[in-house]
């Protein structure tokens, strides 16, 4: 019985977050750089970011830094980026302790979201 309870809890904790694509008219794209601190390396952070970005029609990249942080540059509708952040915070295996944000000029050249190495 203990194994079943552990497996049930493990599966519940590792479910991908539910993403709600915001309704309404399209708005001009924005680009932001996020610097995530906490337990964000070795836990599938960049993979999850790429999956969520794809669901929300966002482009950009995620990269591990030598200091244990992750930098994400992301471009798309602001409301979709806000939903991306909400979903990333909802992933239980991440322990995000700080997010620094910087507004950037829109590049308009990327077509996908990539996990860089």
Protein backbone atom coordinates (compact mmCIF):
# COMPACT_ATOMS: atom_id res chain seq x y z
CA UNK A 1 0.00 0.00 0.00
CA UNK A 2 2.86 2.40 0.76
CA UNK A 3 4.25 1.97 -2.76
CA UNK A 4 0.87 2.83 -4.28
CA UNK A 5 0.57 5.97 -2.14
CA UNK A 6 4.11 7.04 -3.06
CA UNK A 7 3.46 6.44 -6.76
CA UNK A 8 0.19 8.37 -6.62
CA UNK A 9 1.91 11.33 -4.90
CA UNK A 10 4.87 11.18 -7.30
CA UNK A 11 2.58 11.27 -10.35
CA UNK A 12 0.52 14.13 -8.91
CA UNK A 13 3.64 16.19 -8.18
CA UNK A 14 5.08 15.65 -11.65
CA UNK A 15 2.03 16.51 -13.71
CA UNK A 16 2.61 19.38 -16.12
CA UNK A 17 0.87 22.57 -15.07
CA UNK A 18 -2.41 23.42 -16.70
CA UNK A 19 -1.94 26.23 -19.19
CA UNK A 20 -4.79 28.57 -20.05
CA UNK A 21 -4.27 30.36 -23.33
CA UNK A 22 -5.67 33.84 -22.67
CA UNK A 23 -8.71 34.90 -24.71
CA UNK A 24 -9.18 38.20 -26.47
CA UNK A 25 -7.80 40.14 -29.39
CA UNK A 26 -4.11 39.75 -30.18
CA UNK A 27 -1.78 42.41 -28.84
CA UNK A 28 1.68 43.48 -30.05
CA UNK A 29 4.54 41.21 -28.94
CA UNK A 30 6.94 42.05 -26.13
CA UNK A 31 10.30 40.54 -25.19
CA UNK A 32 11.53 39.99 -21.66
CA UNK A 33 14.58 38.49 -19.99
CA UNK A 34 13.98 36.59 -16.76
CA UNK A 35 16.76 35.55 -14.39
CA UNK A 36 15.48 32.69 -12.19
CA UNK A 37 17.21 31.83 -8.90
CA UNK A 38 16.57 28.88 -6.58
CA UNK A 39 16.37 25.19 -7.40
CA UNK A 40 16.12 25.64 -11.16
CA UNK A 41 18.92 23.46 -12.53
CA UNK A 42 18.79 19.68 -12.67
CA UNK A 43 14.99 19.61 -12.32
CA UNK A 44 13.83 19.88 -15.94
CA UNK A 45 13.38 23.65 -15.81
CA UNK A 46 14.49 24.41 -19.38
CA UNK A 47 12.53 21.45 -20.77
CA UNK A 48 9.36 22.59 -18.98
CA UNK A 49 9.93 26.15 -20.18
CA UNK A 50 10.17 24.95 -23.79
CA UNK A 51 7.00 22.86 -23.47
CA UNK A 52 5.00 25.71 -21.94
CA UNK A 53 6.33 28.27 -24.42
CA UNK A 54 5.25 26.03 -27.28
CA UNK A 55 1.73 25.72 -25.86
CA UNK A 56 1.47 29.51 -25.54
CA UNK A 57 2.97 30.34 -28.96
CA UNK A 58 6.02 32.02 -27.39
CA UNK A 59 9.56 32.08 -28.79
CA UNK A 60 12.99 32.58 -27.26
CA UNK A 61 15.45 30.50 -25.28
CA UNK A 62 16.44 29.20 -21.82
CA UNK A 63 20.04 28.74 -20.67
CA UNK A 64 21.70 27.45 -17.49
CA UNK A 65 24.25 29.78 -15.94
CA UNK A 66 27.40 28.74 -14.06
CA UNK A 67 26.06 30.23 -10.81
CA UNK A 68 23.10 27.80 -10.68
CA UNK A 69 20.53 30.19 -12.11
CA UNK A 70 18.60 30.04 -15.39
CA UNK A 71 18.12 32.90 -17.84
CA UNK A 72 15.09 32.90 -20.13
CA UNK A 73 14.51 35.35 -22.95
CA UNK A 74 10.95 35.06 -24.14
CA UNK A 75 8.92 36.88 -26.76
CA UNK A 76 5.20 36.99 -27.53
CA UNK A 77 2.00 38.51 -26.22
CA UNK A 78 2.39 39.90 -22.70
CA UNK A 79 -0.64 38.01 -21.41
CA UNK A 80 0.83 34.73 -22.70
CA UNK A 81 4.17 35.50 -21.05
CA UNK A 82 2.31 36.20 -17.79
CA UNK A 83 0.58 32.80 -18.11
CA UNK A 84 3.96 31.20 -18.81
CA UNK A 85 5.34 32.62 -15.55
CA UNK A 86 2.27 31.51 -13.59
CA UNK A 87 2.63 27.98 -14.93
CA UNK A 88 6.37 27.84 -14.23
CA UNK A 89 5.77 28.91 -10.62
CA UNK A 90 3.15 26.15 -10.29
CA UNK A 91 5.64 23.33 -11.03
CA UNK A 92 6.24 21.72 -7.65
CA UNK A 93 9.70 20.36 -8.38
CA UNK A 94 11.01 23.90 -8.92
CA UNK A 95 11.86 26.11 -5.97
CA UNK A 96 12.01 29.57 -7.53
CA UNK A 97 13.29 31.98 -4.88
CA UNK A 98 13.75 35.07 -7.04
CA UNK A 99 12.90 36.31 -10.53
CA UNK A 100 14.61 39.37 -11.97
CA UNK A 101 12.92 40.90 -15.02
CA UNK A 102 14.22 43.08 -17.82
CA UNK A 103 12.25 44.49 -20.78
CA UNK A 104 14.01 44.07 -24.13
CA UNK A 105 13.37 45.20 -27.70
CA UNK A 106 11.33 42.72 -29.75
CA UNK A 107 13.57 40.78 -32.14
CA UNK A 108 10.94 39.19 -34.37
CA UNK A 109 13.52 36.80 -35.80
CA UNK A 110 12.94 33.64 -33.75
CA UNK A 111 10.40 31.00 -34.70
CA UNK A 112 10.74 28.56 -31.77
CA UNK A 113 11.71 28.34 -28.11
CA UNK A 114 15.00 26.53 -27.48
CA UNK A 115 16.73 25.06 -24.46
CA UNK A 116 20.35 26.14 -24.93
CA UNK A 117 23.29 24.20 -23.53
